[in-house]
PDB file of N, CA and C in Angstrom:
ATOM      1  N   MET A   1     -55.474  48.570  89.321  1.00  0.00           N
ATOM      2  CA  MET A   1     -54.347  47.961  88.911  1.00  0.00           C
ATOM      3  C   MET A   1     -53.146  48.419  89.522  1.00  0.00           C
ATOM      4  N   VAL A   2     -52.278  47.632  89.891  1.00  0.00           N
ATOM      5  CA  VAL A   2     -51.113  48.185  90.456  1.00  0.00           C
ATOM      6  C   VAL A   2     -49.843  47.502  89.766  1.00  0.00           C
ATOM      7  N   ASP A   3     -48.775  48.297  89.433  1.00  0.00           N
ATOM      8  CA  ASP A   3     -47.634  47.878  88.885  1.00  0.00           C
ATOM      9  C   ASP A   3     -46.502  47.619  89.805  1.00  0.00           C
ATOM     10  N   ALA A   4     -46.107  46.373  89.987  1.00  0.00           N
ATOM     11  CA  ALA A   4     -45.086  46.016  91.206  1.00  0.00           C
ATOM     12  C   ALA A   4     -43.710  46.777  90.973  1.00  0.00           C
ATOM     13  N   GLU A   5     -43.369  47.242  89.641  1.00  0.00           N
ATOM     14  CA  GLU A   5     -42.069  47.853  89.450  1.00  0.00           C
ATOM     15  C   GLU A   5     -42.318  49.327  89.625  1.00  0.00           C
ATOM     16  N   CYS A   6     -43.416  50.021  89.869  1.00  0.00           N
ATOM     17  CA  CYS A   6     -43.593  51.381  89.817  1.00  0.00           C
ATOM     18  C   CYS A   6     -43.380  51.891  91.265  1.00  0.00           C
ATOM     19  N   VAL A   7     -42.575  52.880  91.337  1.00  0.00           N
ATOM     20  CA  VAL A   7     -42.292  53.541  92.731  1.00  0.00           C
ATOM     21  C   VAL A   7     -43.529  54.043  93.254  1.00  0.00           C
ATOM     22  N   PHE A   8     -44.385  54.695  92.555  1.00  0.00           N
ATOM     23  CA  PHE A   8     -45.698  55.185  93.136  1.00  0.00           C
ATOM     24  C   PHE A   8     -46.611  54.196  93.683  1.00  0.00           C
ATOM     25  N   CYS A   9     -46.639  53.169  93.067  1.00  0.00           N
ATOM     26  CA  CYS A   9     -47.463  51.877  93.332  1.00  0.00           C
ATOM     27  C   CYS A   9     -46.885  51.336  94.696  1.00  0.00           C
ATOM     28  N   SER A  10     -45.513  51.276  94.834  1.00  0.00           N
ATOM     29  CA  SER A  10     -44.771  50.868  96.041  1.00  0.00           C
ATOM     30  C   SER A  10     -45.044  51.745  97.274  1.00  0.00           C
ATOM     31  N   ILE A  11     -45.206  53.159  96.897  1.00  0.00           N
ATOM     32  CA  ILE A  11     -45.655  54.095  98.048  1.00  0.00           C
ATOM     33  C   ILE A  11     -46.939  53.791  98.474  1.00  0.00           C
ATOM     34  N   ILE A  12     -47.921  53.625  97.557  1.00  0.00           N
ATOM     35  CA  ILE A  12     -49.287  53.620  97.742  1.00  0.00           C
ATOM     36  C   ILE A  12     -49.500  52.272  98.609  1.00  0.00           C
ATOM     37  N   SER A  13     -48.844  51.260  98.300  1.00  0.00           N
ATOM     38  CA  SER A  13     -49.084  49.978  98.894  1.00  0.00           C
ATOM     39  C   SER A  13     -48.389  49.907 100.373  1.00  0.00           C
ATOM     40  N   GLY A  14     -47.508  50.914 100.651  1.00  0.00           N
ATOM     41  CA  GLY A  14     -46.813  50.858 101.839  1.00  0.00           C
ATOM     42  C   GLY A  14     -45.453  50.157 101.710  1.00  0.00           C
ATOM     43  N   ARG A  15     -45.111  49.704 100.691  1.00  0.00           N
ATOM     44  CA  ARG A  15     -43.780  48.939 100.533  1.00  0.00           C
ATOM     45  C   ARG A  15     -42.674  50.021 100.567  1.00  0.00           C
ATOM     46  N   LEU A  16     -42.872  51.190 100.188  1.00  0.00           N
ATOM     47  CA  LEU A  16     -41.893  52.317 100.242  1.00  0.00           C
ATOM     48  C   LEU A  16     -42.430  53.463 101.197  1.00  0.00           C
ATOM     49  N   PRO A  17     -41.576  53.959 101.965  1.00  0.00           N
ATOM     50  CA  PRO A  17     -41.955  55.115 102.957  1.00  0.00           C
ATOM     51  C   PRO A  17     -42.334  56.351 102.182  1.00  0.00           C
ATOM     52  N   SER A  18     -43.254  57.164 102.842  1.00  0.00           N
ATOM     53  CA  SER A  18     -43.479  58.425 102.270  1.00  0.00           C
ATOM     54  C   SER A  18     -44.056  59.361 103.325  1.00  0.00           C
ATOM     55  N   ALA A  19     -44.019  60.710 102.998  1.00  0.00           N
ATOM     56  CA  ALA A  19     -44.693  61.613 103.981  1.00  0.00           C
ATOM     57  C   ALA A  19     -46.069  62.012 103.470  1.00  0.00           C
ATOM     58  N   ARG A  20     -47.135  61.095 103.877  1.00  0.00           N
ATOM     59  CA  ARG A  20     -48.514  61.428 103.470  1.00  0.00           C
ATOM     60  C   ARG A  20     -49.062  62.601 104.037  1.00  0.00           C
ATOM     61  N   VAL A  21     -49.805  63.367 103.337  1.00  0.00           N
ATOM     62  CA  VAL A  21     -50.385  64.462 104.016  1.00  0.00           C
ATOM     63  C   VAL A  21     -52.046  64.418 103.853  1.00  0.00           C
ATOM     64  N   HIS A  22     -52.494  63.414 102.838  1.00  0.00           N
ATOM     65  CA  HIS A  22     -53.819  63.161 102.699  1.00  0.00           C
ATOM     66  C   HIS A  22     -54.083  61.957 101.872  1.00  0.00           C
ATOM     67  N   GLU A  23     -55.243  61.258 102.240  1.00  0.00           N
ATOM     68  CA  GLU A  23     -55.554  60.151 101.447  1.00  0.00           C
ATOM     69  C   GLU A  23     -57.121  60.028 101.236  1.00  0.00           C
ATOM     70  N   SER A  24     -57.686  59.643 100.162  1.00  0.00           N
ATOM     71  CA  SER A  24     -58.988  59.587  99.855  1.00  0.00           C
ATOM     72  C   SER A  24     -59.095  58.020  99.268  1.00  0.00           C
ATOM     73  N   ASP A  25     -60.469  57.796  98.717  1.00  0.00           N
ATOM     74  CA  ASP A  25     -60.684  56.591  98.152  1.00  0.00           C
ATOM     75  C   ASP A  25     -59.779  56.197  97.068  1.00  0.00           C
ATOM     76  N   ASN A  26     -59.517  57.187  96.201  1.00  0.00           N
ATOM     77  CA  ASN A  26     -58.699  56.916  94.952  1.00  0.00           C
ATOM     78  C   ASN A  26     -57.413  57.555  94.824  1.00  0.00           C
ATOM     79  N   PHE A  27     -57.036  58.520  95.815  1.00  0.00           N
ATOM     80  CA  PHE A  27     -55.750  59.329  95.702  1.00  0.00           C
ATOM     81  C   PHE A  27     -55.043  59.254  96.998  1.00  0.00           C
ATOM     82  N   VAL A  28     -53.688  59.524  96.841  1.00  0.00           N
ATOM     83  CA  VAL A  28     -52.870  59.643  97.984  1.00  0.00           C
ATOM     84  C   VAL A  28     -52.026  60.929  97.603  1.00  0.00           C
ATOM     85  N   VAL A  29     -51.803  61.803  98.600  1.00  0.00           N
ATOM     86  CA  VAL A  29     -50.971  63.012  98.528  1.00  0.00           C
ATOM     87  C   VAL A  29     -49.877  62.844  99.392  1.00  0.00           C
ATOM     88  N   ILE A  30     -48.608  63.016  98.858  1.00  0.00           N
ATOM     89  CA  ILE A  30     -47.362  62.994  99.622  1.00  0.00           C
ATOM     90  C   ILE A  30     -46.523  64.140  99.364  1.00  0.00           C
ATOM     91  N   LYS A  31     -45.641  64.418 100.294  1.00  0.00           N
ATOM     92  CA  LYS A  31     -44.636  65.454 100.201  1.00  0.00           C
ATOM     93  C   LYS A  31     -43.467  65.058  99.040  1.00  0.00           C
ATOM     94  N   ASP A  32     -43.257  65.819  98.172  1.00  0.00           N
ATOM     95  CA  ASP A  32     -42.104  65.657  97.123  1.00  0.00           C
ATOM     96  C   ASP A  32     -40.749  65.411  97.964  1.00  0.00           C
ATOM     97  N   ILE A  33     -39.996  64.496  97.580  1.00  0.00           N
ATOM     98  CA  ILE A  33     -38.722  64.253  98.396  1.00  0.00           C
ATOM     99  C   ILE A  33     -37.648  65.310  97.729  1.00  0.00           C
ATOM    100  N   ASN A  34     -37.894  66.021  96.598  1.00  0.00           N
ATOM    101  CA  ASN A  34     -36.987  66.935  96.205  1.00  0.00           C
ATOM    102  C   ASN A  34     -37.860  68.227  95.767  1.00  0.00           C
ATOM    103  N   PRO A  35     -38.284  69.025  96.777  1.00  0.00           N
ATOM    104  CA  PRO A  35     -39.200  70.037  96.629  1.00  0.00           C
ATOM    105  C   PRO A  35     -38.568  71.187  95.911  1.00  0.00           C
ATOM    106  N   VAL A  36     -39.295  71.889  94.938  1.00  0.00           N
ATOM    107  CA  VAL A  36     -38.870  73.130  94.283  1.00  0.00           C
ATOM    108  C   VAL A  36     -39.596  74.371  94.661  1.00  0.00           C
ATOM    109  N   ALA A  37     -40.486  74.183  95.794  1.00  0.00           N
ATOM    110  CA  ALA A  37     -41.164  75.382  96.232  1.00  0.00           C
ATOM    111  C   ALA A  37     -41.436  74.980  97.787  1.00  0.00           C
ATOM    112  N   PRO A  38     -41.764  75.973  98.655  1.00  0.00           N
ATOM    113  CA  PRO A  38     -41.934  75.709 100.189  1.00  0.00           C
ATOM    114  C   PRO A  38     -43.068  74.662 100.342  1.00  0.00           C
ATOM    115  N   VAL A  39     -44.042  74.539  99.444  1.00  0.00           N
ATOM    116  CA  VAL A  39     -44.974  73.517  99.518  1.00  0.00           C
ATOM    117  C   VAL A  39     -44.887  72.804  98.080  1.00  0.00           C
ATOM    118  N   HIS A  40     -44.648  71.598  98.190  1.00  0.00           N
ATOM    119  CA  HIS A  40     -44.553  70.865  97.003  1.00  0.00           C
ATOM    120  C   HIS A  40     -44.924  69.281  97.231  1.00  0.00           C
ATOM    121  N   LEU A  41     -46.205  69.085  96.846  1.00  0.00           N
ATOM    122  CA  LEU A  41     -46.802  68.010  97.028  1.00  0.00           C
ATOM    123  C   LEU A  41     -47.215  67.225  95.699  1.00  0.00           C
ATOM    124  N   LEU A  42     -47.419  65.861  95.835  1.00  0.00           N
ATOM    125  CA  LEU A  42     -47.803  65.109  94.669  1.00  0.00           C
ATOM    126  C   LEU A  42     -49.098  64.408  94.922  1.00  0.00           C
ATOM    127  N   VAL A  43     -50.152  64.635  93.937  1.00  0.00           N
ATOM    128  CA  VAL A  43     -51.367  63.894  94.121  1.00  0.00           C
ATOM    129  C   VAL A  43     -51.275  62.845  93.116  1.00  0.00           C
ATOM    130  N   ILE A  44     -51.431  61.574  93.726  1.00  0.00           N
ATOM    131  CA  ILE A  44     -51.244  60.330  92.975  1.00  0.00           C
ATOM    132  C   ILE A  44     -52.346  59.429  92.927  1.00  0.00           C
ATOM    133  N   PRO A  45     -52.911  59.060  91.857  1.00  0.00           N
ATOM    134  CA  PRO A  45     -53.977  58.003  91.710  1.00  0.00           C
ATOM    135  C   PRO A  45     -53.575  56.720  92.325  1.00  0.00           C
ATOM    136  N   LYS A  46     -54.422  56.105  93.162  1.00  0.00           N
ATOM    137  CA  LYS A  46     -54.098  54.746  93.805  1.00  0.00           C
ATOM    138  C   LYS A  46     -53.989  53.735  92.576  1.00  0.00           C
ATOM    139  N   ARG A  47     -54.907  53.905  91.555  1.00  0.00           N
ATOM    140  CA  ARG A  47     -54.813  53.014  90.379  1.00  0.00           C
ATOM    141  C   ARG A  47     -53.685  53.374  89.504  1.00  0.00           C
ATOM    142  N   HIS A  48     -53.021  52.472  89.043  1.00  0.00           N
ATOM    143  CA  HIS A  48     -51.760  52.755  88.211  1.00  0.00           C
ATOM    144  C   HIS A  48     -52.392  53.247  86.783  1.00  0.00           C
ATOM    145  N   VAL A  49     -52.087  54.505  86.497  1.00  0.00           N
ATOM    146  CA  VAL A  49     -52.287  55.139  85.203  1.00  0.00           C
ATOM    147  C   VAL A  49     -51.089  55.677  84.736  1.00  0.00           C
ATOM    148  N   GLU A  50     -50.505  55.275  83.501  1.00  0.00           N
ATOM    149  CA  GLU A  50     -49.220  55.680  83.146  1.00  0.00           C
ATOM    150  C   GLU A  50     -49.141  57.272  82.913  1.00  0.00           C
ATOM    151  N   SER A  51     -50.024  57.810  82.330  1.00  0.00           N
ATOM    152  CA  SER A  51     -50.019  59.321  82.136  1.00  0.00           C
ATOM    153  C   SER A  51     -51.500  59.726  81.731  1.00  0.00           C
ATOM    154  N   VAL A  52     -51.500  61.231  81.619  1.00  0.00           N
ATOM    155  CA  VAL A  52     -52.893  61.695  81.237  1.00  0.00           C
ATOM    156  C   VAL A  52     -53.440  61.099  80.000  1.00  0.00           C
ATOM    157  N   LEU A  53     -52.464  60.582  79.214  1.00  0.00           N
ATOM    158  CA  LEU A  53     -52.859  60.041  77.838  1.00  0.00           C
ATOM    159  C   LEU A  53     -53.558  58.698  78.061  1.00  0.00           C
ATOM    160  N   SER A  54     -53.310  58.163  79.260  1.00  0.00           N
ATOM    161  CA  SER A  54     -53.875  56.808  79.547  1.00  0.00           C
ATOM    162  C   SER A  54     -55.108  56.763  80.402  1.00  0.00           C
ATOM    163  N   VAL A  55     -55.576  58.066  80.666  1.00  0.00           N
ATOM    164  CA  VAL A  55     -56.719  58.099  81.506  1.00  0.00           C
ATOM    165  C   VAL A  55     -57.965  57.692  80.900  1.00  0.00           C
ATOM    166  N   SER A  56     -58.872  56.901  81.443  1.00  0.00           N
ATOM    167  CA  SER A  56     -60.147  56.342  80.963  1.00  0.00           C
ATOM    168  C   SER A  56     -61.187  57.185  81.444  1.00  0.00           C
ATOM    169  N   GLU A  57     -62.416  56.759  80.839  1.00  0.00           N
ATOM    170  CA  GLU A  57     -63.643  57.682  81.127  1.00  0.00           C
ATOM    171  C   GLU A  57     -63.950  57.493  82.620  1.00  0.00           C
ATOM    172  N   ASP A  58     -63.514  56.405  83.168  1.00  0.00           N
ATOM    173  CA  ASP A  58     -64.049  56.218  84.628  1.00  0.00           C
ATOM    174  C   ASP A  58     -63.008  56.844  85.754  1.00  0.00           C
ATOM    175  N   PHE A  59     -62.023  57.555  85.158  1.00  0.00           N
ATOM    176  CA  PHE A  59     -61.160  58.293  86.202  1.00  0.00           C
ATOM    177  C   PHE A  59     -61.915  59.252  86.944  1.00  0.00           C
ATOM    178  N   PRO A  60     -61.765  59.228  88.283  1.00  0.00           N
ATOM    179  CA  PRO A  60     -62.574  60.133  89.125  1.00  0.00           C
ATOM    180  C   PRO A  60     -62.115  61.542  89.219  1.00  0.00           C
ATOM    181  N   ALA A  61     -62.255  62.263  88.115  1.00  0.00           N
ATOM    182  CA  ALA A  61     -61.815  63.608  87.951  1.00  0.00           C
ATOM    183  C   ALA A  61     -62.351  64.532  89.065  1.00  0.00           C
ATOM    184  N   GLY A  62     -63.606  64.361  89.282  1.00  0.00           N
ATOM    185  CA  GLY A  62     -64.157  65.340  90.347  1.00  0.00           C
ATOM    186  C   GLY A  62     -63.536  65.090  91.659  1.00  0.00           C
ATOM    187  N   GLU A  63     -63.223  63.705  92.100  1.00  0.00           N
ATOM    188  CA  GLU A  63     -62.675  63.575  93.383  1.00  0.00           C
ATOM    189  C   GLU A  63     -61.246  64.095  93.286  1.00  0.00           C
ATOM    190  N   PHE A  64     -60.482  64.098  92.164  1.00  0.00           N
ATOM    191  CA  PHE A  64     -59.215  64.568  92.052  1.00  0.00           C
ATOM    192  C   PHE A  64     -59.071  66.050  92.414  1.00  0.00           C
ATOM    193  N   PHE A  65     -60.077  66.879  91.725  1.00  0.00           N
ATOM    194  CA  PHE A  65     -60.000  68.318  92.111  1.00  0.00           C
ATOM    195  C   PHE A  65     -60.371  68.597  93.494  1.00  0.00           C
ATOM    196  N   ASP A  66     -61.357  67.809  93.990  1.00  0.00           N
ATOM    197  CA  ASP A  66     -61.801  67.978  95.462  1.00  0.00           C
ATOM    198  C   ASP A  66     -60.516  67.631  96.262  1.00  0.00           C
ATOM    199  N   VAL A  67     -59.872  66.826  95.962  1.00  0.00           N
ATOM    200  CA  VAL A  67     -58.490  66.533  96.805  1.00  0.00           C
ATOM    201  C   VAL A  67     -57.505  67.633  96.756  1.00  0.00           C
ATOM    202  N   VAL A  68     -57.374  68.193  95.470  1.00  0.00           N
ATOM    203  CA  VAL A  68     -56.470  69.340  95.262  1.00  0.00           C
ATOM    204  C   VAL A  68     -56.964  70.567  96.218  1.00  0.00           C
ATOM    205  N   LYS A  69     -58.344  70.770  95.978  1.00  0.00           N
ATOM    206  CA  LYS A  69     -58.772  71.849  96.778  1.00  0.00           C
ATOM    207  C   LYS A  69     -58.490  71.714  98.273  1.00  0.00           C
ATOM    208  N   ARG A  70     -58.861  70.583  98.753  1.00  0.00           N
ATOM    209  CA  ARG A  70     -58.788  70.235 100.231  1.00  0.00           C
ATOM    210  C   ARG A  70     -57.413  70.414 100.695  1.00  0.00           C
ATOM    211  N   VAL A  71     -56.458  69.770 100.058  1.00  0.00           N
ATOM    212  CA  VAL A  71     -54.986  69.838 100.433  1.00  0.00           C
ATOM    213  C   VAL A  71     -54.429  71.257 100.330  1.00  0.00           C
ATOM    214  N   ALA A  72     -54.943  71.987  99.188  1.00  0.00           N
ATOM    215  CA  ALA A  72     -54.441  73.459  99.051  1.00  0.00           C
ATOM    216  C   ALA A  72     -54.840  74.232 100.266  1.00  0.00           C
ATOM    217  N   GLU A  73     -56.095  74.059 100.584  1.00  0.00           N
ATOM    218  CA  GLU A  73     -56.511  74.788 101.875  1.00  0.00           C
ATOM    219  C   GLU A  73     -55.881  74.318 103.134  1.00  0.00           C
ATOM    220  N   GLN A  74     -55.762  73.009 103.284  1.00  0.00           N
ATOM    221  CA  GLN A  74     -54.910  72.504 104.502  1.00  0.00           C
ATOM    222  C   GLN A  74     -53.675  73.060 104.514  1.00  0.00           C
ATOM    223  N   GLU A  75     -52.887  73.276 103.397  1.00  0.00           N
ATOM    224  CA  GLU A  75     -51.589  73.705 103.347  1.00  0.00           C
ATOM    225  C   GLU A  75     -51.444  75.164 103.445  1.00  0.00           C
ATOM    226  N   GLY A  76     -52.596  75.936 103.540  1.00  0.00           N
ATOM    227  CA  GLY A  76     -52.560  77.365 103.573  1.00  0.00           C
ATOM    228  C   GLY A  76     -52.265  78.117 102.279  1.00  0.00           C
ATOM    229  N   LEU A  77     -52.653  77.591 101.178  1.00  0.00           N
ATOM    230  CA  LEU A  77     -52.307  78.127  99.946  1.00  0.00           C
ATOM    231  C   LEU A  77     -53.444  78.990  99.391  1.00  0.00           C
ATOM    232  N   ARG A  78     -54.150  79.852 100.144  1.00  0.00           N
ATOM    233  CA  ARG A  78     -55.172  80.530  99.883  1.00  0.00           C
ATOM    234  C   ARG A  78     -54.906  81.709  98.757  1.00  0.00           C
ATOM    235  N   ARG A  79     -53.679  82.081  98.825  1.00  0.00           N
ATOM    236  CA  ARG A  79     -53.231  83.149  97.851  1.00  0.00           C
ATOM    237  C   ARG A  79     -52.927  82.674  96.438  1.00  0.00           C
ATOM    238  N   GLY A  80     -52.821  81.333  96.491  1.00  0.00           N
ATOM    239  CA  GLY A  80     -52.544  80.778  95.005  1.00  0.00           C
ATOM    240  C   GLY A  80     -51.576  79.570  95.128  1.00  0.00           C
ATOM    241  N   PHE A  81     -51.657  78.684  94.044  1.00  0.00           N
ATOM    242  CA  PHE A  81     -50.619  77.714  94.022  1.00  0.00           C
ATOM    243  C   PHE A  81     -50.778  77.313  92.410  1.00  0.00           C
ATOM    244  N   ARG A  82     -49.663  76.576  92.130  1.00  0.00           N
ATOM    245  CA  ARG A  82     -49.584  75.954  90.681  1.00  0.00           C
ATOM    246  C   ARG A  82     -49.877  74.505  90.759  1.00  0.00           C
ATOM    247  N   LEU A  83     -50.708  74.011  89.855  1.00  0.00           N
ATOM    248  CA  LEU A  83     -51.035  72.648  89.639  1.00  0.00           C
ATOM    249  C   LEU A  83     -50.268  72.168  88.256  1.00  0.00           C
ATOM    250  N   VAL A  84     -49.479  71.286  88.339  1.00  0.00           N
ATOM    251  CA  VAL A  84     -48.836  70.864  87.121  1.00  0.00           C
ATOM    252  C   VAL A  84     -48.852  69.275  87.016  1.00  0.00           C
ATOM    253  N   VAL A  85     -49.154  68.901  85.781  1.00  0.00           N
ATOM    254  CA  VAL A  85     -49.111  67.390  85.263  1.00  0.00           C
ATOM    255  C   VAL A  85     -48.293  67.335  84.159  1.00  0.00           C
ATOM    256  N   ASN A  86     -47.176  66.811  84.456  1.00  0.00           N
ATOM    257  CA  ASN A  86     -46.173  66.684  83.205  1.00  0.00           C
ATOM    258  C   ASN A  86     -46.514  65.340  82.542  1.00  0.00           C
ATOM    259  N   THR A  87     -46.643  65.400  81.152  1.00  0.00           N
ATOM    260  CA  THR A  87     -47.094  64.126  80.410  1.00  0.00           C
ATOM    261  C   THR A  87     -45.979  63.836  79.426  1.00  0.00           C
ATOM    262  N   GLY A  88     -45.284  62.757  79.559  1.00  0.00           N
ATOM    263  CA  GLY A  88     -44.354  62.220  78.624  1.00  0.00           C
ATOM    264  C   GLY A  88     -42.950  62.773  78.877  1.00  0.00           C
ATOM    265  N   ILE A  89     -42.073  62.291  78.080  1.00  0.00           N
ATOM    266  CA  ILE A  89     -40.593  62.500  78.371  1.00  0.00           C
ATOM    267  C   ILE A  89     -40.257  63.864  77.965  1.00  0.00           C
ATOM    268  N   GLU A  90     -40.730  64.501  76.909  1.00  0.00           N
ATOM    269  CA  GLU A  90     -40.482  65.944  76.526  1.00  0.00           C
ATOM    270  C   GLU A  90     -40.955  66.901  77.666  1.00  0.00           C
ATOM    271  N   ALA A  91     -42.009  66.480  78.456  1.00  0.00           N
ATOM    272  CA  ALA A  91     -42.401  67.340  79.557  1.00  0.00           C
ATOM    273  C   ALA A  91     -41.925  67.051  80.862  1.00  0.00           C
ATOM    274  N   GLN A  92     -40.818  66.102  80.841  1.00  0.00           N
ATOM    275  CA  GLN A  92     -40.096  65.852  82.042  1.00  0.00           C
ATOM    276  C   GLN A  92     -40.901  64.986  83.015  1.00  0.00           C
ATOM    277  N   GLN A  93     -41.779  64.140  82.498  1.00  0.00           N
ATOM    278  CA  GLN A  93     -42.559  63.161  83.409  1.00  0.00           C
ATOM    279  C   GLN A  93     -41.482  62.179  83.844  1.00  0.00           C
ATOM    280  N   SER A  94     -41.036  62.205  85.193  1.00  0.00           N
ATOM    281  CA  SER A  94     -39.993  61.386  85.695  1.00  0.00           C
ATOM    282  C   SER A  94     -40.512  60.030  86.096  1.00  0.00           C
ATOM    283  N   VAL A  95     -41.644  59.846  86.402  1.00  0.00           N
ATOM    284  CA  VAL A  95     -42.248  58.482  86.955  1.00  0.00           C
ATOM    285  C   VAL A  95     -43.452  58.130  85.945  1.00  0.00           C
ATOM    286  N   PRO A  96     -43.408  57.047  85.437  1.00  0.00           N
ATOM    287  CA  PRO A  96     -44.537  56.621  84.457  1.00  0.00           C
ATOM    288  C   PRO A  96     -45.767  56.142  85.297  1.00  0.00           C
ATOM    289  N   HIS A  97     -46.250  57.068  86.193  1.00  0.00           N
ATOM    290  CA  HIS A  97     -47.453  56.852  86.887  1.00  0.00           C
ATOM    291  C   HIS A  97     -47.958  58.230  87.004  1.00  0.00           C
ATOM    292  N   MET A  98     -49.104  58.565  86.394  1.00  0.00           N
ATOM    293  CA  MET A  98     -49.665  59.869  86.392  1.00  0.00           C
ATOM    294  C   MET A  98     -49.644  60.402  87.948  1.00  0.00           C
ATOM    295  N   HIS A  99     -49.362  61.938  87.964  1.00  0.00           N
ATOM    296  CA  HIS A  99     -49.337  62.494  89.170  1.00  0.00           C
ATOM    297  C   HIS A  99     -49.408  63.884  88.848  1.00  0.00           C
ATOM    298  N   ALA A 100     -49.978  64.713  89.929  1.00  0.00           N
ATOM    299  CA  ALA A 100     -49.872  66.119  89.741  1.00  0.00           C
ATOM    300  C   ALA A 100     -49.167  66.723  90.961  1.00  0.00           C
ATOM    301  N   HIS A 101     -48.395  67.767  90.482  1.00  0.00           N
ATOM    302  CA  HIS A 101     -47.653  68.583  91.537  1.00  0.00           C
ATOM    303  C   HIS A 101     -48.533  69.691  92.018  1.00  0.00           C
ATOM    304  N   ILE A 102     -48.562  70.011  93.259  1.00  0.00           N
ATOM    305  CA  ILE A 102     -49.155  71.156  93.882  1.00  0.00           C
ATOM    306  C   ILE A 102     -47.883  71.873  94.350  1.00  0.00           C
ATOM    307  N   LEU A 103     -47.736  73.048  93.765  1.00  0.00           N
ATOM    308  CA  LEU A 103     -46.625  73.990  94.308  1.00  0.00           C
ATOM    309  C   LEU A 103     -47.236  75.232  94.748  1.00  0.00           C
ATOM    310  N   GLY A 104     -46.580  75.663  95.858  1.00  0.00           N
ATOM    311  CA  GLY A 104     -47.098  76.774  96.424  1.00  0.00           C
ATOM    312  C   GLY A 104     -46.102  77.479  97.565  1.00  0.00           C
ATOM    313  N   GLY A 105     -46.446  78.482  98.216  1.00  0.00           N
ATOM    314  CA  GLY A 105     -45.760  79.060  99.144  1.00  0.00           C
ATOM    315  C   GLY A 105     -44.833  80.077  98.671  1.00  0.00           C
ATOM    316  N   ARG A 106     -44.770  80.548  97.441  1.00  0.00           N
ATOM    317  CA  ARG A 106     -43.971  81.524  96.980  1.00  0.00           C
ATOM    318  C   ARG A 106     -44.678  81.964  95.565  1.00  0.00           C
ATOM    319  N   SER A 107     -44.087  83.073  95.062  1.00  0.00           N
ATOM    320  CA  SER A 107     -44.564  83.556  93.811  1.00  0.00           C
ATOM    321  C   SER A 107     -43.815  82.881  92.644  1.00  0.00           C
ATOM    322  N   PHE A 108     -44.690  82.693  91.623  1.00  0.00           N
ATOM    323  CA  PHE A 108     -44.269  82.078  90.356  1.00  0.00           C
ATOM    324  C   PHE A 108     -44.175  83.028  89.151  1.00  0.00           C
ATOM    325  N   THR A 109     -43.347  82.724  88.246  1.00  0.00           N
ATOM    326  CA  THR A 109     -43.358  83.627  86.917  1.00  0.00           C
ATOM    327  C   THR A 109     -43.819  82.704  85.841  1.00  0.00           C
ATOM    328  N   TRP A 110     -44.066  83.503  84.718  1.00  0.00           N
ATOM    329  CA  TRP A 110     -44.707  82.890  83.602  1.00  0.00           C
ATOM    330  C   TRP A 110     -43.889  83.344  82.333  1.00  0.00           C
ATOM    331  N   PRO A 111     -43.444  82.638  81.265  1.00  0.00           N
ATOM    332  CA  PRO A 111     -43.588  81.137  81.315  1.00  0.00           C
ATOM    333  C   PRO A 111     -42.562  80.517  82.285  1.00  0.00           C
ATOM    334  N   PRO A 112     -42.926  79.338  82.642  1.00  0.00           N
ATOM    335  CA  PRO A 112     -42.033  78.562  83.580  1.00  0.00           C
ATOM    336  C   PRO A 112     -40.693  78.169  83.069  1.00  0.00           C
ATOM    337  N   GLY A 113     -40.518  77.986  81.853  1.00  0.00           N
ATOM    338  CA  GLY A 113     -39.355  77.654  81.414  1.00  0.00           C
ATOM    339  C   GLY A 113     -39.176  76.717  80.154  1.00  0.00           C
TER     340      GLY A 113
END
């Protein structure tokens, strides 16, 4: 399913430009346009899923983690990276299409904020 009004669906369909770094059967990985780390990528499901709370049993979770691992290795993040999925307004989910941030290339602190 694709939502014609969704910015990520528009990127996935090619209607909007992006800097793609990886694509699989079910996911696209792009560079974030406002990076907060030297490496800041977004892993986006091709099928429109509003948030983690909308994920169904048939969500390809195994492929998701394979993509994260492959891209992290490709980007040289062997020393570590942060994987973040914001869910809902209070968590600052800015686009209503589930996506994960891969953040790396620097040290991080905890708690994040």
